[in-house]
Amino acid sequence: MAAVKLKFSSALSSSDPHANPVVIIGIPKNLAKINYHDINVKFGARVPEEIFSSALNAVQSSPDVCPLYLNSATLSPLPTKCSRHNAPSRSHAITKCVRSAAVSGKDSFIVIACEKHDVFPSAIAVARAYPLYSKKTNLSNKLQAGSTSSEKSLITVTVEYLLIGNTSPLTEDECIMLERAAESVRTTARIVDTPCNEMNTDHFLEEISIVAKELGIVPFVIRDKELENQGFGGIYGVGKAALNPPALAVLSHLPKGATKTIAWVGKGIMYDTGGLSIKGKTAMPGMKRDCGGASGILGAFRLAVLTGFKENLHAVFCLAENSVGPLSTRPDDIHTLYSGRTVEINNTDAEGRLVLADGVFYAHKDLKADIILDMATLTGGQSVATGKQHAAVLTNNEHWENAMVNAGLVSGDLTFPIPFCPEFHFSEFNSAVADMKNSVADRSNALSSCAGLFILAHLGFDYPGVWMHVDMAAPVHCGERATGYGVGFLVSLFGRYSNSALLQSIGPIIDEDIAEDARENEKKKMRLN
């Protein structure tokens, strides 16, 4: 696939499929509402109204792609059925449609017929279809991998929207936001797709610096022995055997007038061999993706800040490479984590929870966060619990649990709750010699819930703030490609804290926030009286 630049537009431009292929995507009932005289500008007089009408009738009863002009102009219907735990936008199907219709070497168009609330997830879905990273040796893929050739060498794919229903068209600002969202998703996926010989902790810190420079932020970094000196026994213990030392890095957005402090904490294991509890030859390939949580948070933080996030927002990156060497942590070692709690290591391949425990406690103690969310490719058991498309979410707050499910539905980054019940599950970490072990005694007892509870244990099960955990081990990739999971989910979940009207409109309303707003309004009335 050639190097691609994505553009988004609120209006249909004139084009000829002979020169610039076009695919028209939508749910059949939305496609049926398209007026030929509105869409005809995409056909260059090559598709008569009779052919278009026949194609519309055909896709109402058949899910197959319907050609309009050779293979250069097509109608691509999305599935009619959509269960209540799937995204109404059918975003996963959109990605498949775009991949199938992609034509190499030509500027092309994607027309999406949808309601306005499905615009954002459809943009995320299109972005997933155009990965950036490649080491294939043909020229076009060298460009895609990031050469210095001019932008004129890029293929432009323009996404245009036909909004269904009586709604206002997309504004220029909303189109810019969609382009930034696509950029963030593709960058997130590029980092996850890049192997560790090109994306170690040093390289990830460079990626953080690039985003920081774009946003006008100075990163805060604690690295190597300084981690040990300051008590970050989890991050340092996991990463100390690697050639490239571990790090805790923080990006902070502190707008005037903020009343909340939110921290997103990402697991950034650049490669996971399993340590001395080494993975098998079939389990280790793909472990370059173990930085997916941190990558998703980096992309989401960029997008959130660029679209005007109204509250304090910190992105905390827990970076390490879980390697084998003379300095490797051994099973039976005991580490003291940043929380002050001691952990007996009984499995060095349960390393993600160690780095995240340090990160979330730092978010609480040093950043004074009211709301802490950690995101990680944490357990293989996640795909068993919630499947390949739905991340597993765990939280101490039922209002935010509902919000996470809703944010998954409106963004296309699907989620589903797993049990939050420390009294049943945390005993799996009992240790005779330390505060806890790092891996469970019984792997058949709510494995993914237990892993999340290990992280919360360092805040304390009586933690009064909001804690959320997102285990996205399976959704981080589809086949051999990263998905950029997390960008759409996070900015949707916190959409009501954004200055973007589009994100505000899809951001779930938190019942707690409604109550808090009501209290603030009552206080204002009392002051006025």
Protein backbone atom coordinates (compact mmCIF):
# COMPACT_ATOMS: atom_id res chain seq x y z
CA MET A 1 0.00 0.00 0.00
CA ALA A 2 1.28 3.44 -0.90
CA ALA A 3 1.83 6.27 1.55
CA VAL A 4 -1.54 7.80 2.34
CA LYS A 5 -2.68 11.15 3.62
CA LEU A 6 -6.23 11.29 5.01
CA LYS A 7 -8.43 14.35 4.57
CA PHE A 8 -11.97 14.91 5.85
CA SER A 9 -14.66 17.04 4.24
CA SER A 10 -18.23 18.04 5.05
CA ALA A 11 -19.24 18.34 1.39
CA LEU A 12 -19.01 16.20 -1.73
CA SER A 13 -16.54 17.43 -4.32
CA SER A 14 -16.71 16.75 -8.06
CA SER A 15 -14.64 13.77 -9.19
CA ASP A 16 -14.46 11.08 -11.85
CA PRO A 17 -14.06 7.44 -10.71
CA HIS A 18 -12.00 6.71 -13.81
CA ALA A 19 -9.27 8.92 -12.36
CA ASN A 20 -10.20 8.91 -8.65
CA PRO A 21 -11.95 5.78 -7.35
CA VAL A 22 -14.84 6.23 -4.93
CA VAL A 23 -16.50 3.88 -2.44
CA ILE A 24 -19.84 4.79 -0.88
CA ILE A 25 -20.32 3.22 2.56
CA GLY A 26 -23.38 3.09 4.81
CA ILE A 27 -26.03 1.05 6.52
CA PRO A 28 -28.55 0.00 3.84
CA LYS A 29 -31.32 2.15 5.32
CA ASN A 30 -29.01 5.18 5.14
CA LEU A 31 -27.85 4.37 1.62
CA ALA A 32 -31.52 4.21 0.57
CA LYS A 33 -31.90 7.87 1.60
CA ILE A 34 -29.19 9.09 -0.80
CA ASN A 35 -30.50 11.31 -3.57
CA TYR A 36 -28.88 10.55 -6.92
CA HIS A 37 -28.59 14.26 -7.73
CA ASP A 38 -26.57 14.76 -4.51
CA ILE A 39 -24.14 11.89 -5.17
CA ASN A 40 -23.84 12.30 -8.95
CA VAL A 41 -20.90 14.71 -8.56
CA LYS A 42 -18.76 11.69 -7.61
CA PHE A 43 -19.53 9.80 -10.82
CA GLY A 44 -18.24 12.07 -13.58
CA ALA A 45 -21.29 11.17 -15.72
CA ARG A 46 -20.16 7.52 -15.77
CA VAL A 47 -22.98 6.13 -13.60
CA PRO A 48 -26.53 6.81 -14.87
CA GLU A 49 -29.36 7.18 -12.37
CA GLU A 50 -30.89 3.85 -13.40
CA ILE A 51 -27.71 1.94 -12.50
CA PHE A 52 -27.43 3.75 -9.18
CA SER A 53 -31.09 3.07 -8.31
CA SER A 54 -30.68 -0.62 -9.18
CA ALA A 55 -27.60 -0.83 -6.99
CA LEU A 56 -29.45 0.79 -4.07
CA ASN A 57 -32.22 -1.78 -4.42
CA ALA A 58 -29.69 -4.61 -4.57
CA VAL A 59 -27.86 -3.69 -1.36
CA GLN A 60 -31.12 -3.55 0.60
CA SER A 61 -31.35 -7.34 0.41
CA SER A 62 -27.72 -8.36 -0.04
CA PRO A 63 -24.65 -7.50 2.06
CA ASP A 64 -22.35 -7.75 -0.96
CA VAL A 65 -20.42 -4.86 -2.47
CA CYS A 66 -22.17 -3.59 -5.58
CA PRO A 67 -20.01 -2.19 -8.43
CA LEU A 68 -21.28 0.95 -10.14
CA TYR A 69 -18.44 1.60 -12.58
CA LEU A 70 -15.92 -1.19 -13.06
CA ASN A 71 -14.24 -1.53 -9.64
CA SER A 72 -13.66 2.19 -9.34
CA ALA A 73 -17.08 3.23 -8.06
CA THR A 74 -18.80 0.92 -5.60
CA LEU A 75 -21.60 0.78 -3.06
CA SER A 76 -20.42 -0.96 0.09
CA PRO A 77 -23.26 -1.75 2.53
CA LEU A 78 -22.57 -2.21 6.22
CA PRO A 79 -24.28 -5.03 8.13
CA THR A 80 -27.94 -4.39 8.82
CA LYS A 81 -27.96 -6.20 12.15
CA CYS A 82 -26.10 -4.79 15.11
CA SER A 83 -26.41 -6.24 18.61
CA ARG A 84 -26.56 -4.04 21.70
CA HIS A 85 -22.93 -4.71 22.60
CA ASN A 86 -21.65 -3.64 19.17
CA ALA A 87 -21.00 -0.10 17.99
CA PRO A 88 -24.07 1.29 16.16
CA SER A 89 -21.66 2.87 13.66
CA ARG A 90 -20.50 -0.66 12.63
CA SER A 91 -16.98 0.77 12.78
CA HIS A 92 -15.25 -2.62 12.51
CA ALA A 93 -17.14 -3.28 9.28
CA ILE A 94 -16.19 0.17 7.96
CA THR A 95 -12.51 -0.67 8.35
CA LYS A 96 -13.01 -3.89 6.37
CA CYS A 97 -14.92 -2.05 3.63
CA VAL A 98 -12.18 0.54 3.25
CA ARG A 99 -9.42 -2.07 3.13
CA SER A 100 -11.30 -4.02 0.48
CA ALA A 101 -11.94 -0.95 -1.66
CA ALA A 102 -8.47 0.62 -1.36
CA VAL A 103 -6.87 1.26 -4.76
CA SER A 104 -3.11 1.61 -4.78
CA GLY A 105 -1.45 4.50 -6.54
CA LYS A 106 -4.43 6.83 -6.99
CA ASP A 107 -6.00 9.65 -5.04
CA SER A 108 -9.42 8.35 -4.03
CA PHE A 109 -12.61 9.17 -2.17
CA ILE A 110 -14.63 7.53 0.59
CA VAL A 111 -18.20 8.75 0.98
CA ILE A 112 -19.86 7.76 4.25
CA ALA A 113 -23.62 8.08 4.62
CA CYS A 114 -24.38 8.22 8.34
CA GLU A 115 -26.01 10.14 11.15
CA LYS A 116 -23.91 12.82 12.80
CA HIS A 117 -23.22 10.85 15.98
CA ASP A 118 -21.50 8.19 13.86
CA VAL A 119 -19.09 10.61 12.19
CA PHE A 120 -16.34 10.31 14.82
CA PRO A 121 -16.21 6.48 15.05
CA SER A 122 -16.30 6.22 11.25
CA ALA A 123 -13.25 8.51 11.00
CA ILE A 124 -11.42 6.31 13.53
CA ALA A 125 -12.41 3.23 11.51
CA VAL A 126 -11.07 4.68 8.25
CA ALA A 127 -7.78 5.61 9.92
CA ARG A 128 -7.30 1.98 11.02
CA ALA A 129 -7.40 0.85 7.41
CA TYR A 130 -4.25 2.83 6.53
CA PRO A 131 -1.32 1.71 8.73
CA LEU A 132 1.85 3.77 8.61
CA TYR A 133 4.62 1.35 9.55
CA SER A 134 6.27 -0.85 6.94
CA LYS A 135 9.73 -2.15 6.14
CA LYS A 136 8.83 -3.53 2.74
CA THR A 137 11.51 -2.54 0.27
CA ASN A 138 9.39 -1.01 -2.52
CA LEU A 139 9.50 2.77 -2.77
CA SER A 140 5.91 3.47 -1.78
CA ASN A 141 6.25 1.63 1.50
CA LYS A 142 9.52 3.37 2.26
CA LEU A 143 7.53 6.56 2.01
CA GLN A 144 4.88 5.12 4.28
CA ALA A 145 7.51 4.19 6.85
CA GLY A 146 8.44 7.84 7.11
CA SER A 147 11.06 8.92 4.60
CA THR A 148 11.85 12.58 3.95
CA SER A 149 10.33 12.62 0.47
CA SER A 150 7.95 15.48 -0.26
CA GLU A 151 4.26 15.36 0.55
CA LYS A 152 3.54 15.44 -3.18
CA SER A 153 4.50 11.76 -3.24
CA LEU A 154 1.60 10.90 -0.93
CA ILE A 155 -1.68 9.45 -2.09
CA THR A 156 -4.61 11.49 -0.74
CA VAL A 157 -7.72 9.69 0.46
CA THR A 158 -10.54 12.15 1.08
CA VAL A 159 -13.37 11.11 3.38
CA GLU A 160 -16.60 12.96 2.63
CA TYR A 161 -19.81 12.77 4.65
CA LEU A 162 -23.44 12.60 3.57
CA LEU A 163 -25.23 13.29 6.84
CA ILE A 164 -28.60 11.60 7.16
CA GLY A 165 -31.45 13.42 8.84
CA ASN A 166 -32.10 17.04 9.66
CA THR A 167 -28.75 18.05 11.08
CA SER A 168 -26.20 20.78 10.62
CA PRO A 169 -23.25 19.99 8.33
CA LEU A 170 -19.80 19.41 9.74
CA THR A 171 -17.90 22.61 10.46
CA GLU A 172 -14.34 23.26 9.36
CA ASP A 173 -13.18 22.86 12.97
CA GLU A 174 -14.90 19.49 13.19
CA CYS A 175 -13.18 18.32 10.00
CA ILE A 176 -9.84 19.43 11.43
CA MET A 177 -10.60 17.49 14.61
CA LEU A 178 -11.34 14.36 12.56
CA GLU A 179 -8.03 14.71 10.72
CA ARG A 180 -6.20 15.06 14.03
CA ALA A 181 -8.05 12.02 15.35
CA ALA A 182 -7.00 9.99 12.31
CA GLU A 183 -3.39 11.17 12.71
CA SER A 184 -3.38 10.18 16.38
CA VAL A 185 -4.85 6.73 15.69
CA ARG A 186 -2.37 6.03 12.91
CA THR A 187 0.57 7.26 15.01
CA THR A 188 -0.53 5.09 17.93
CA ALA A 189 -0.75 2.07 15.63
CA ARG A 190 2.64 2.88 14.08
CA ILE A 191 4.33 2.84 17.49
CA VAL A 192 2.70 -0.50 18.35
CA ASP A 193 3.59 -2.01 14.95
CA THR A 194 7.25 -0.97 15.22
CA PRO A 195 9.57 -3.73 16.48
CA CYS A 196 11.68 -3.22 19.59
CA ASN A 197 14.95 -2.80 17.69
CA GLU A 198 13.39 0.43 16.38
CA MET A 199 11.03 1.25 19.27
CA ASN A 200 12.70 0.77 22.62
CA THR A 201 12.34 3.00 25.68
CA ASP A 202 14.67 5.62 24.16
CA HIS A 203 12.58 5.78 20.99
CA PHE A 204 9.32 5.99 22.91
CA LEU A 205 10.68 8.93 24.89
CA GLU A 206 11.46 10.57 21.54
CA GLU A 207 7.82 10.03 20.48
CA ILE A 208 6.71 11.66 23.71
CA SER A 209 9.04 14.59 23.03
CA ILE A 210 7.58 15.07 19.54
CA VAL A 211 4.05 15.30 20.94
CA ALA A 212 5.23 17.54 23.78
CA LYS A 213 6.86 19.94 21.34
CA GLU A 214 3.70 20.08 19.22
CA LEU A 215 1.64 20.91 22.31
CA GLY A 216 4.13 23.29 23.91
CA ILE A 217 4.69 21.03 26.94
CA VAL A 218 7.93 20.12 28.69
CA PRO A 219 8.01 16.37 29.53
CA PHE A 220 8.94 15.25 33.04
CA VAL A 221 11.12 12.13 33.06
CA ILE A 222 12.59 9.93 35.81
CA ARG A 223 15.02 7.38 34.42
CA ASP A 224 17.23 4.40 35.24
CA LYS A 225 18.87 4.40 38.72
CA GLU A 226 16.92 7.52 39.70
CA LEU A 227 13.78 5.37 39.56
CA GLU A 228 15.31 3.06 42.14
CA ASN A 229 16.51 6.00 44.24
CA GLN A 230 13.03 7.52 44.31
CA GLY A 231 11.30 4.24 45.19
CA PHE A 232 9.82 3.12 41.88
CA GLY A 233 10.60 -0.53 42.55
CA GLY A 234 8.03 -1.78 40.04
CA ILE A 235 9.25 0.07 36.94
CA TYR A 236 12.91 -0.28 37.85
CA GLY A 237 12.64 -3.95 38.80
CA VAL A 238 10.99 -4.84 35.49
CA GLY A 239 13.30 -2.84 33.24
CA LYS A 240 16.71 -2.90 34.91
CA ALA A 241 18.03 -5.85 32.87
CA ALA A 242 17.50 -4.13 29.51
CA LEU A 243 20.17 -2.27 27.54
CA ASN A 244 17.84 0.75 27.30
CA PRO A 245 16.91 1.74 30.85
CA PRO A 246 13.34 2.07 32.10
CA ALA A 247 11.61 5.41 32.60
CA LEU A 248 8.58 7.15 34.03
CA ALA A 249 7.54 10.03 31.77
CA VAL A 250 4.74 12.54 32.30
CA LEU A 251 2.99 15.05 30.04
CA SER A 252 0.79 17.59 31.85
CA HIS A 253 -1.93 19.87 30.47
CA LEU A 254 -2.97 22.46 33.07
CA PRO A 255 -5.57 24.89 31.68
CA LYS A 256 -6.85 27.88 33.63
CA GLY A 257 -10.16 27.34 35.39
CA ALA A 258 -9.78 23.58 35.74
CA THR A 259 -11.62 22.01 38.67
CA LYS A 260 -10.72 18.34 38.12
CA THR A 261 -7.42 16.52 37.80
CA ILE A 262 -7.41 13.47 35.58
CA ALA A 263 -4.51 11.07 35.03
CA TRP A 264 -4.19 8.49 32.27
CA VAL A 265 -1.53 5.87 33.11
CA GLY A 266 -0.19 3.66 30.31
CA LYS A 267 1.70 0.39 30.36
CA GLY A 268 4.66 0.81 28.03
CA ILE A 269 6.46 -2.53 27.97
CA MET A 270 8.47 -2.11 24.79
CA TYR A 271 9.07 -5.84 24.55
CA ASP A 272 8.04 -8.64 26.87
CA THR A 273 10.20 -11.76 26.83
CA GLY A 274 8.56 -12.80 30.08
CA GLY A 275 11.84 -12.20 31.89
CA LEU A 276 13.29 -15.25 33.62
CA SER A 277 9.79 -16.78 33.53
CA ILE A 278 10.42 -16.73 29.81
CA LYS A 279 7.67 -17.05 27.22
CA GLY A 280 7.61 -19.94 24.75
CA LYS A 281 8.60 -19.64 21.10
CA THR A 282 4.99 -19.28 19.95
CA ALA A 283 3.91 -16.95 22.78
CA MET A 284 6.67 -14.38 22.42
CA PRO A 285 6.13 -13.15 18.82
CA GLY A 286 3.87 -10.13 18.93
CA MET A 287 5.13 -8.88 22.28
CA LYS A 288 6.22 -5.63 20.61
CA ARG A 289 2.55 -4.74 21.15
CA ASP A 290 2.94 -4.69 24.94
CA CYS A 291 3.33 -0.91 24.76
CA GLY A 292 -0.21 -0.56 23.38
CA GLY A 293 -1.65 1.07 26.50
CA ALA A 294 1.00 3.78 26.66
CA SER A 295 0.78 4.32 22.89
CA GLY A 296 -2.99 4.75 23.02
CA ILE A 297 -2.67 7.26 25.85
CA LEU A 298 -0.05 9.25 23.94
CA GLY A 299 -2.32 9.50 20.88
CA ALA A 300 -5.37 10.31 23.00
CA PHE A 301 -3.54 12.96 25.04
CA ARG A 302 -2.41 14.70 21.86
CA LEU A 303 -5.94 14.73 20.46
CA ALA A 304 -7.54 15.80 23.75
CA VAL A 305 -5.19 18.77 24.19
CA LEU A 306 -5.40 19.87 20.55
CA THR A 307 -9.21 19.91 20.77
CA GLY A 308 -9.21 21.98 23.94
CA PHE A 309 -9.40 19.84 27.09
CA LYS A 310 -10.91 21.96 29.87
CA GLU A 311 -9.60 20.07 32.93
CA ASN A 312 -6.14 19.20 34.24
CA LEU A 313 -4.93 16.15 32.31
CA HIS A 314 -1.78 14.14 32.95
CA ALA A 315 -0.46 11.33 30.75
CA VAL A 316 1.82 9.00 32.72
CA PHE A 317 3.97 6.56 30.75
CA CYS A 318 5.49 3.55 32.53
CA LEU A 319 8.25 2.46 30.14
CA ALA A 320 10.42 -0.64 30.41
CA GLU A 321 11.66 -3.61 28.43
CA ASN A 322 11.19 -6.94 30.20
CA SER A 323 14.47 -8.58 29.24
CA VAL A 324 16.62 -11.49 30.31
CA GLY A 325 20.09 -10.71 31.64
CA PRO A 326 22.36 -10.73 34.71
CA LEU A 327 20.27 -8.00 36.33
CA SER A 328 16.90 -9.64 35.70
CA THR A 329 14.44 -9.85 38.55
CA ARG A 330 14.24 -13.43 39.83
CA PRO A 331 11.20 -15.31 41.04
CA ASP A 332 11.31 -15.04 44.88
CA ASP A 333 12.76 -11.51 44.76
CA ILE A 334 10.82 -8.96 46.78
CA HIS A 335 10.41 -5.40 45.50
CA THR A 336 9.14 -2.37 47.35
CA LEU A 337 6.91 -0.37 45.03
CA TYR A 338 6.30 3.39 45.03
CA SER A 339 3.26 2.86 47.28
CA GLY A 340 5.57 1.44 49.96
CA ARG A 341 3.94 -1.98 49.66
CA THR A 342 6.14 -5.03 49.19
CA VAL A 343 5.64 -7.55 46.39
CA GLU A 344 7.01 -11.08 46.23
CA ILE A 345 7.73 -11.95 42.60
CA ASN A 346 6.40 -15.39 41.71
CA ASN A 347 6.14 -14.75 37.96
CA THR A 348 8.36 -12.27 36.12
CA ASP A 349 5.94 -12.46 33.18
CA ALA A 350 3.33 -10.63 35.30
CA GLU A 351 5.26 -7.40 34.90
CA GLY A 352 2.70 -4.94 33.55
CA ARG A 353 0.85 -4.66 36.85
CA LEU A 354 4.14 -3.80 38.59
CA VAL A 355 4.88 -0.79 36.40
CA LEU A 356 1.26 0.36 36.48
CA ALA A 357 1.10 0.11 40.27
CA ASP A 358 3.97 2.60 40.42
CA GLY A 359 2.31 4.81 37.82
CA VAL A 360 -1.14 5.01 39.43
CA PHE A 361 0.29 5.69 42.87
CA TYR A 362 2.43 8.46 41.41
CA ALA A 363 -0.72 9.89 39.81
CA HIS A 364 -2.39 9.86 43.24
CA LYS A 365 0.48 10.99 45.46
CA ASP A 366 2.38 13.43 43.26
CA LEU A 367 -0.19 14.58 40.69
CA LYS A 368 -3.15 14.66 43.12
CA ALA A 369 -5.46 13.17 40.50
CA ASP A 370 -9.18 12.87 41.29
CA ILE A 371 -9.77 10.42 38.45
CA ILE A 372 -7.15 7.81 37.54
CA LEU A 373 -7.45 5.53 34.52
CA ASP A 374 -4.83 2.96 33.59
CA MET A 375 -4.77 1.25 30.20
CA ALA A 376 -2.74 -1.81 29.36
CA THR A 377 -2.28 -4.94 27.33
CA LEU A 378 -2.32 -6.67 30.68
CA THR A 379 -3.58 -10.27 30.48
CA GLY A 380 -3.97 -13.02 27.96
CA GLY A 381 -7.12 -13.89 29.90
CA GLN A 382 -8.77 -10.67 28.69
CA SER A 383 -9.62 -12.22 25.31
CA VAL A 384 -11.11 -15.22 27.10
CA ALA A 385 -13.22 -12.96 29.34
CA THR A 386 -14.46 -10.36 26.83
CA GLY A 387 -13.26 -11.46 23.38
CA LYS A 388 -11.02 -10.03 20.70
CA GLN A 389 -12.95 -6.81 20.04
CA HIS A 390 -14.03 -5.74 23.55
CA ALA A 391 -11.51 -4.49 26.09
CA ALA A 392 -12.20 -5.57 29.68
CA VAL A 393 -12.95 -2.67 32.02
CA LEU A 394 -12.81 -2.70 35.81
CA THR A 395 -13.60 0.16 38.17
CA ASN A 396 -14.53 1.05 41.73
CA ASN A 397 -17.31 3.34 40.46
CA GLU A 398 -20.50 2.09 38.78
CA HIS A 399 -21.28 5.46 37.16
CA TRP A 400 -17.95 5.44 35.35
CA GLU A 401 -18.37 1.76 34.49
CA ASN A 402 -21.52 2.65 32.57
CA ALA A 403 -19.71 5.57 30.98
CA MET A 404 -16.88 3.31 29.80
CA VAL A 405 -19.33 0.94 28.13
CA ASN A 406 -21.11 3.84 26.45
CA ALA A 407 -17.82 5.41 25.34
CA GLY A 408 -16.88 2.12 23.72
CA LEU A 409 -20.14 2.03 21.80
CA VAL A 410 -19.91 5.60 20.50
CA SER A 411 -16.19 5.42 19.62
CA GLY A 412 -15.98 1.91 18.20
CA ASP A 413 -13.27 1.03 20.76
CA LEU A 414 -15.55 -1.52 22.39
CA THR A 415 -15.49 -2.38 26.10
CA PHE A 416 -17.25 -4.69 28.52
CA PRO A 417 -17.15 -4.82 32.36
CA ILE A 418 -15.55 -7.59 34.38
CA PRO A 419 -16.34 -8.29 38.06
CA PHE A 420 -15.12 -5.84 40.68
CA CYS A 421 -15.08 -7.90 43.88
CA PRO A 422 -11.82 -7.65 45.88
CA GLU A 423 -13.23 -9.75 48.74
CA PHE A 424 -13.53 -12.72 46.37
CA HIS A 425 -10.42 -12.25 44.27
CA PHE A 426 -7.56 -10.45 45.99
CA SER A 427 -6.72 -13.40 48.25
CA GLU A 428 -5.18 -14.95 45.12
CA PHE A 429 -2.13 -12.72 45.79
CA ASN A 430 -1.55 -13.83 49.41
CA SER A 431 2.13 -14.05 50.36
CA ALA A 432 3.71 -15.45 53.53
CA VAL A 433 6.66 -13.04 53.36
CA ALA A 434 5.45 -9.85 51.64
CA ASP A 435 2.32 -7.72 51.35
CA MET A 436 1.34 -9.59 48.21
CA LYS A 437 2.59 -11.73 45.33
CA ASN A 438 2.45 -10.43 41.79
CA SER A 439 0.68 -13.38 40.20
CA VAL A 440 -2.41 -15.34 41.17
CA ALA A 441 -2.52 -18.75 42.80
CA ASP A 442 -5.49 -19.90 40.71
CA ARG A 443 -5.53 -18.75 37.07
CA SER A 444 -9.11 -19.92 36.64
CA ASN A 445 -10.47 -17.44 39.19
CA ALA A 446 -11.31 -14.19 37.34
CA LEU A 447 -7.76 -13.78 36.07
CA SER A 448 -8.24 -10.37 34.44
CA SER A 449 -10.15 -8.96 37.42
CA CYS A 450 -7.38 -10.10 39.74
CA ALA A 451 -4.71 -8.43 37.62
CA GLY A 452 -6.58 -5.14 37.76
CA LEU A 453 -7.13 -5.43 41.50
CA PHE A 454 -3.38 -5.80 42.02
CA ILE A 455 -3.00 -2.27 40.63
CA LEU A 456 -5.80 -0.82 42.78
CA ALA A 457 -4.34 -2.48 45.88
CA HIS A 458 -1.51 0.06 45.78
CA LEU A 459 -4.02 2.90 46.00
CA GLY A 460 -5.99 0.91 48.59
CA PHE A 461 -9.41 -0.67 48.21
CA ASP A 462 -10.83 2.22 50.24
CA TYR A 463 -9.45 4.75 47.73
CA PRO A 464 -12.03 7.58 47.67
CA GLY A 465 -11.34 8.75 44.12
CA VAL A 466 -12.36 7.22 40.79
CA TRP A 467 -10.13 4.43 39.50
CA MET A 468 -10.65 2.79 36.12
CA HIS A 469 -8.71 -0.01 34.48
CA VAL A 470 -8.79 -0.92 30.78
CA ASP A 471 -7.27 -4.25 29.70
CA MET A 472 -7.04 -4.13 25.90
CA ALA A 473 -4.62 -6.98 25.23
CA ALA A 474 -6.69 -8.38 22.34
CA PRO A 475 -8.22 -5.21 20.76
CA VAL A 476 -4.74 -3.65 20.47
CA HIS A 477 -4.35 -5.54 17.20
CA CYS A 478 -6.31 -7.20 14.43
CA GLY A 479 -4.32 -9.92 12.73
CA GLU A 480 -0.76 -8.69 12.30
CA ARG A 481 -1.64 -4.99 12.47
CA ALA A 482 -2.16 -2.63 15.38
CA THR A 483 -5.55 -0.91 15.60
CA GLY A 484 -4.65 2.31 17.43
CA TYR A 485 -7.07 1.25 20.16
CA GLY A 486 -7.65 3.72 22.98
CA VAL A 487 -7.50 7.06 21.19
CA GLY A 488 -11.18 7.13 20.28
CA PHE A 489 -12.22 5.54 23.56
CA LEU A 490 -10.46 8.00 25.85
CA VAL A 491 -11.45 11.20 24.08
CA SER A 492 -15.05 9.93 23.91
CA LEU A 493 -15.12 8.87 27.57
CA PHE A 494 -13.95 12.36 28.60
CA GLY A 495 -15.78 14.11 25.75
CA ARG A 496 -17.81 16.40 27.98
CA TYR A 497 -14.54 17.94 29.23
CA SER A 498 -13.58 18.91 25.66
CA ASN A 499 -14.12 22.20 23.84
CA SER A 500 -15.03 20.19 20.72
CA ALA A 501 -18.80 20.31 20.21
CA LEU A 502 -18.66 16.99 18.34
CA LEU A 503 -16.86 15.23 21.20
CA GLN A 504 -19.14 16.84 23.76
CA SER A 505 -22.17 15.52 21.90
CA ILE A 506 -20.97 11.89 22.05
CA GLY A 507 -19.26 11.99 25.47
CA PRO A 508 -21.27 9.98 28.01
CA ILE A 509 -22.94 11.95 30.79
CA ILE A 510 -21.69 10.85 34.19
CA ASP A 511 -24.42 10.73 36.86
CA GLU A 512 -21.91 11.90 39.47
CA ASP A 513 -21.11 14.96 37.39
CA ILE A 514 -24.81 15.81 37.04
CA ALA A 515 -25.16 15.73 40.82
CA GLU A 516 -22.03 17.83 41.24
CA ASP A 517 -23.23 20.38 38.68
CA ALA A 518 -26.54 20.60 40.51
CA ARG A 519 -24.75 21.26 43.80
CA GLU A 520 -22.65 23.98 42.18
CA ASN A 521 -25.76 25.63 40.73
CA GLU A 522 -27.41 25.60 44.15
CA LYS A 523 -24.34 27.24 45.66
CA LYS A 524 -24.40 29.94 42.99
CA LYS A 525 -28.09 30.62 43.67
CA MET A 526 -27.42 30.91 47.39
CA ARG A 527 -24.57 33.36 46.77
CA LEU A 528 -26.80 35.46 44.50
CA ASN A 529 -29.54 35.53 47.13
